[in-house]
Amino acid sequence: MSPAQTEPHSSSSVAKLNWLRAAVLGANDGIVSIAGLVVGVASVTTSQSIILTAGIAGIIAGAISMAAGEYISVSSSRDTEKALLKKERHELREFPKEELEELAIIYERKGLSRKTALTVAQELTKHDAFAAHAEAELHIDPHNLTNPWHAAFASAAAFLVGAVIPLVLILIPPAEIRIPIAFVSVIIALAITGVLSALVSGAGVLRAIFRVTTGGAIAMAVTYGIGRMFNVSGI
């Protein structure tokens, strides 16, 4: 089997990579958000029930927020794609010759000769003109539009998975070493998500690890500092 046959260039493969990337980012958001929250609360009180309550509230609010944001974003993108596809259908119906010429020009610009480009355009138009234009002109697969509900649930689930990690890690250790252990454990968890994001995106591993761990460390340090600064209640 040739390399061209084994490389994941299909729209399905690209979609899977996008979903995996979104899952890793969602988990990373969950880790950072809830780690910052529970570390800030733990800097004020040693009460497990208070920390647990704050953590659960943060997880629920964060997951709903992630789901809503992803749903709105994907819905907007999907509406735009549908509008473009509707316009393309209209143009194909009203201006078939002009659309055929447009498709041929697209393939000419990709390096085909005029004759070959026109032949390709004619054959693709005969097979499925709408799909040919959607792919070549709009770069949209009309049969595989992203489902906003799927995106919302996936985003919320990824956030939940990541968010559980710092909540568990802040509750298990004894009160006197709770924050240091949680801090180190969260940094390790973030480093793992950094490696995964680098593998998915093809970026540099060390740079990805540095980026996510630095952000997480800053979030925890800031919320810890705020908690200590305003801890005037003696809880």
Protein backbone atom coordinates (compact mmCIF):
# COMPACT_ATOMS: atom_id res chain seq x y z
CA MET A 1 0.00 0.00 0.00
CA SER A 2 1.41 3.39 -0.99
CA PRO A 3 1.98 6.25 1.49
CA ALA A 4 -0.75 8.24 -0.25
CA GLN A 5 -3.23 5.49 0.59
CA THR A 6 -2.28 5.37 4.27
CA GLU A 7 -2.02 9.08 5.09
CA PRO A 8 -5.10 10.41 6.97
CA HIS A 9 -6.22 13.06 4.49
CA SER A 10 -9.94 12.25 4.50
CA SER A 11 -12.44 14.67 5.95
CA SER A 12 -13.34 11.98 8.49
CA SER A 13 -9.75 11.81 9.74
CA VAL A 14 -9.49 15.57 9.92
CA ALA A 15 -12.76 15.72 11.87
CA LYS A 16 -11.47 13.11 14.34
CA LEU A 17 -8.28 15.11 14.87
CA ASN A 18 -10.33 18.25 15.50
CA TRP A 19 -12.48 16.42 18.03
CA LEU A 20 -9.40 15.03 19.79
CA ARG A 21 -7.80 18.46 19.88
CA ALA A 22 -11.00 19.98 21.33
CA ALA A 23 -11.16 17.22 23.96
CA VAL A 24 -7.57 17.83 25.07
CA LEU A 25 -8.15 21.58 25.27
CA GLY A 26 -11.41 21.07 27.17
CA ALA A 27 -9.69 18.82 29.70
CA ASN A 28 -6.90 21.37 30.07
CA ASP A 29 -9.47 24.12 30.74
CA GLY A 30 -11.12 21.95 33.37
CA ILE A 31 -7.82 21.29 35.14
CA VAL A 32 -6.72 24.93 35.18
CA SER A 33 -10.11 26.42 36.11
CA ILE A 34 -10.91 24.10 38.98
CA ALA A 35 -7.31 23.91 40.20
CA GLY A 36 -7.28 27.69 40.53
CA LEU A 37 -10.64 27.64 42.29
CA VAL A 38 -9.94 24.91 44.86
CA VAL A 39 -6.43 26.13 45.62
CA GLY A 40 -7.83 29.59 46.28
CA VAL A 41 -10.50 28.17 48.59
CA ALA A 42 -8.02 25.84 50.31
CA SER A 43 -5.79 28.81 51.08
CA VAL A 44 -8.64 30.20 53.19
CA THR A 45 -10.08 27.10 54.85
CA THR A 46 -9.14 23.52 55.66
CA SER A 47 -12.78 22.39 55.63
CA GLN A 48 -13.18 19.57 53.14
CA SER A 49 -16.92 20.20 52.84
CA ILE A 50 -16.38 23.84 51.85
CA ILE A 51 -13.68 22.94 49.34
CA LEU A 52 -15.83 20.12 47.92
CA THR A 53 -18.88 22.38 47.62
CA ALA A 54 -16.89 25.10 45.89
CA GLY A 55 -15.27 22.57 43.57
CA ILE A 56 -18.52 20.89 42.57
CA ALA A 57 -20.18 24.26 41.99
CA GLY A 58 -17.24 25.33 39.84
CA ILE A 59 -17.29 22.08 37.86
CA ILE A 60 -21.01 22.32 37.13
CA ALA A 61 -20.82 26.00 36.19
CA GLY A 62 -17.71 25.46 34.07
CA ALA A 63 -19.13 22.44 32.22
CA ILE A 64 -22.38 24.26 31.44
CA SER A 65 -20.43 27.31 30.30
CA MET A 66 -18.17 25.21 28.06
CA ALA A 67 -21.15 23.37 26.57
CA ALA A 68 -23.09 26.57 25.93
CA GLY A 69 -20.10 28.32 24.40
CA GLU A 70 -19.28 25.40 22.14
CA TYR A 71 -22.92 25.02 21.09
CA ILE A 72 -23.20 28.70 20.18
CA SER A 73 -19.88 28.70 18.33
CA VAL A 74 -20.57 25.56 16.31
CA SER A 75 -24.17 26.61 15.62
CA SER A 76 -22.99 29.94 14.23
CA SER A 77 -20.41 28.20 12.08
CA ARG A 78 -22.96 25.66 10.89
CA ASP A 79 -25.48 28.40 10.02
CA THR A 80 -22.81 30.17 7.97
CA GLU A 81 -21.96 26.95 6.15
CA LYS A 82 -25.64 26.27 5.43
CA ALA A 83 -26.07 29.80 4.04
CA LEU A 84 -23.07 29.35 1.77
CA LEU A 85 -24.33 25.96 0.59
CA LYS A 86 -27.79 27.39 -0.10
CA LYS A 87 -26.25 30.18 -2.16
CA GLU A 88 -24.16 27.64 -4.08
CA ARG A 89 -27.25 25.56 -4.89
CA HIS A 90 -28.96 28.67 -6.23
CA GLU A 91 -25.97 29.61 -8.39
CA LEU A 92 -25.70 26.08 -9.79
CA ARG A 93 -29.37 26.12 -10.69
CA GLU A 94 -29.39 29.62 -12.21
CA PHE A 95 -25.88 29.86 -13.70
CA PRO A 96 -24.67 26.33 -14.57
CA LYS A 97 -22.25 27.41 -17.32
CA GLU A 98 -20.65 30.10 -15.18
CA GLU A 99 -20.30 27.66 -12.28
CA LEU A 100 -18.68 25.06 -14.54
CA GLU A 101 -16.17 27.66 -15.67
CA GLU A 102 -15.54 28.67 -12.08
CA LEU A 103 -14.81 25.07 -11.11
CA ALA A 104 -12.44 24.66 -14.04
CA ILE A 105 -10.56 27.81 -13.03
CA ILE A 106 -10.17 26.48 -9.50
CA TYR A 107 -8.44 23.37 -10.81
CA GLU A 108 -6.33 25.42 -13.20
CA ARG A 109 -5.06 27.42 -10.24
CA LYS A 110 -4.12 24.15 -8.57
CA GLY A 111 -1.78 23.37 -11.45
CA LEU A 112 -3.83 21.50 -14.04
CA SER A 113 -3.75 22.47 -17.68
CA ARG A 114 -6.80 24.23 -19.08
CA LYS A 115 -7.91 21.15 -20.96
CA THR A 116 -7.46 18.80 -18.01
CA ALA A 117 -9.09 21.24 -15.59
CA LEU A 118 -12.13 21.58 -17.82
CA THR A 119 -12.39 17.80 -18.21
CA VAL A 120 -12.17 17.30 -14.44
CA ALA A 121 -14.77 20.02 -13.85
CA GLN A 122 -17.16 18.47 -16.39
CA GLU A 123 -16.82 14.97 -14.95
CA LEU A 124 -17.26 16.14 -11.36
CA THR A 125 -20.25 18.24 -12.37
CA LYS A 126 -21.83 15.26 -14.08
CA HIS A 127 -21.26 13.10 -11.00
CA ASP A 128 -22.32 15.60 -8.29
CA ALA A 129 -22.04 19.28 -9.14
CA PHE A 130 -23.10 20.48 -5.72
CA ALA A 131 -20.60 18.33 -3.81
CA ALA A 132 -17.83 19.27 -6.23
CA HIS A 133 -18.38 23.00 -5.73
CA ALA A 134 -18.88 22.68 -1.98
CA GLU A 135 -15.54 20.91 -1.62
CA ALA A 136 -13.43 22.82 -4.16
CA GLU A 137 -14.90 26.30 -3.74
CA LEU A 138 -16.20 26.41 -0.17
CA HIS A 139 -14.06 23.65 1.42
CA ILE A 140 -17.20 22.24 3.07
CA ASP A 141 -18.43 18.66 3.18
CA PRO A 142 -22.21 19.12 2.81
CA HIS A 143 -22.84 15.61 4.13
CA ASN A 144 -20.72 16.00 7.26
CA LEU A 145 -21.54 19.30 8.94
CA THR A 146 -20.54 19.49 12.60
CA ASN A 147 -23.39 18.80 15.02
CA PRO A 148 -23.53 21.56 17.68
CA TRP A 149 -25.07 19.19 20.25
CA HIS A 150 -22.26 16.69 19.80
CA ALA A 151 -19.72 19.49 20.17
CA ALA A 152 -21.44 20.80 23.30
CA PHE A 153 -21.58 17.40 25.02
CA ALA A 154 -17.99 16.58 24.06
CA SER A 155 -16.74 19.91 25.38
CA ALA A 156 -18.62 19.52 28.67
CA ALA A 157 -17.42 15.92 29.10
CA ALA A 158 -13.80 16.88 28.47
CA PHE A 159 -14.06 19.73 30.96
CA LEU A 160 -15.56 17.38 33.57
CA VAL A 161 -12.78 14.82 33.15
CA GLY A 162 -10.10 17.46 33.58
CA ALA A 163 -11.88 19.24 36.43
CA VAL A 164 -12.22 16.13 38.59
CA ILE A 165 -8.42 15.78 38.79
CA PRO A 166 -7.63 18.89 40.90
CA LEU A 167 -10.75 18.45 43.03
CA VAL A 168 -9.74 14.92 44.03
CA LEU A 169 -6.10 15.89 44.53
CA ILE A 170 -6.96 18.76 46.87
CA LEU A 171 -9.24 16.61 49.05
CA ILE A 172 -7.20 13.44 49.58
CA PRO A 173 -3.97 14.70 51.25
CA PRO A 174 -3.80 15.95 54.85
CA ALA A 175 -4.60 19.65 55.29
CA GLU A 176 -1.00 20.71 56.00
CA ILE A 177 0.37 19.37 52.70
CA ARG A 178 -2.82 19.62 50.66
CA ILE A 179 -1.89 22.64 48.54
CA PRO A 180 1.72 21.63 47.66
CA ILE A 181 0.65 18.14 46.60
CA ALA A 182 -2.25 19.48 44.57
CA PHE A 183 0.01 22.06 42.93
CA VAL A 184 2.63 19.50 41.87
CA SER A 185 0.03 16.94 40.78
CA VAL A 186 -1.84 19.50 38.69
CA ILE A 187 1.38 20.57 36.98
CA ILE A 188 2.06 16.91 36.10
CA ALA A 189 -1.50 16.50 34.76
CA LEU A 190 -1.11 19.65 32.69
CA ALA A 191 2.21 18.42 31.34
CA ILE A 192 0.43 15.27 30.13
CA THR A 193 -2.23 17.34 28.36
CA GLY A 194 0.58 19.40 26.85
CA VAL A 195 2.16 16.26 25.42
CA LEU A 196 -1.19 15.09 24.05
CA SER A 197 -1.93 18.47 22.46
CA ALA A 198 1.52 18.49 20.86
CA LEU A 199 1.01 15.00 19.45
CA VAL A 200 -2.38 15.94 18.04
CA SER A 201 -1.31 19.26 16.52
CA GLY A 202 2.22 18.27 15.51
CA ALA A 203 3.70 21.14 17.54
CA GLY A 204 6.83 21.05 19.68
CA VAL A 205 6.32 18.98 22.83
CA LEU A 206 8.47 21.10 25.15
CA ARG A 207 6.83 24.32 24.02
CA ALA A 208 3.35 22.87 24.52
CA ILE A 209 4.24 21.60 28.00
CA PHE A 210 5.75 24.94 28.99
CA ARG A 211 2.71 26.83 27.75
CA VAL A 212 0.07 24.81 29.60
CA THR A 213 2.04 24.30 32.84
CA THR A 214 2.94 27.99 33.06
CA GLY A 215 -0.67 29.01 32.64
CA GLY A 216 -1.81 26.54 35.28
CA ALA A 217 0.91 27.54 37.73
CA ILE A 218 0.05 31.23 37.34
CA ALA A 219 -3.66 30.54 37.86
CA MET A 220 -3.04 28.60 41.08
CA ALA A 221 -0.49 31.11 42.39
CA VAL A 222 -2.82 34.05 41.77
CA THR A 223 -5.88 32.44 43.38
CA TYR A 224 -3.78 31.24 46.33
CA GLY A 225 -2.43 34.75 46.81
CA ILE A 226 -5.91 36.27 46.62
CA GLY A 227 -7.19 33.76 49.15
CA ARG A 228 -4.40 34.56 51.59
CA MET A 229 -4.82 38.29 51.04
CA PHE A 230 -8.51 38.31 51.86
CA ASN A 231 -8.52 35.64 54.55
CA VAL A 232 -9.70 37.93 57.33
CA SER A 233 -12.51 35.75 58.59
CA GLY A 234 -10.32 33.23 60.39
CA ILE A 235 -12.14 30.27 58.84
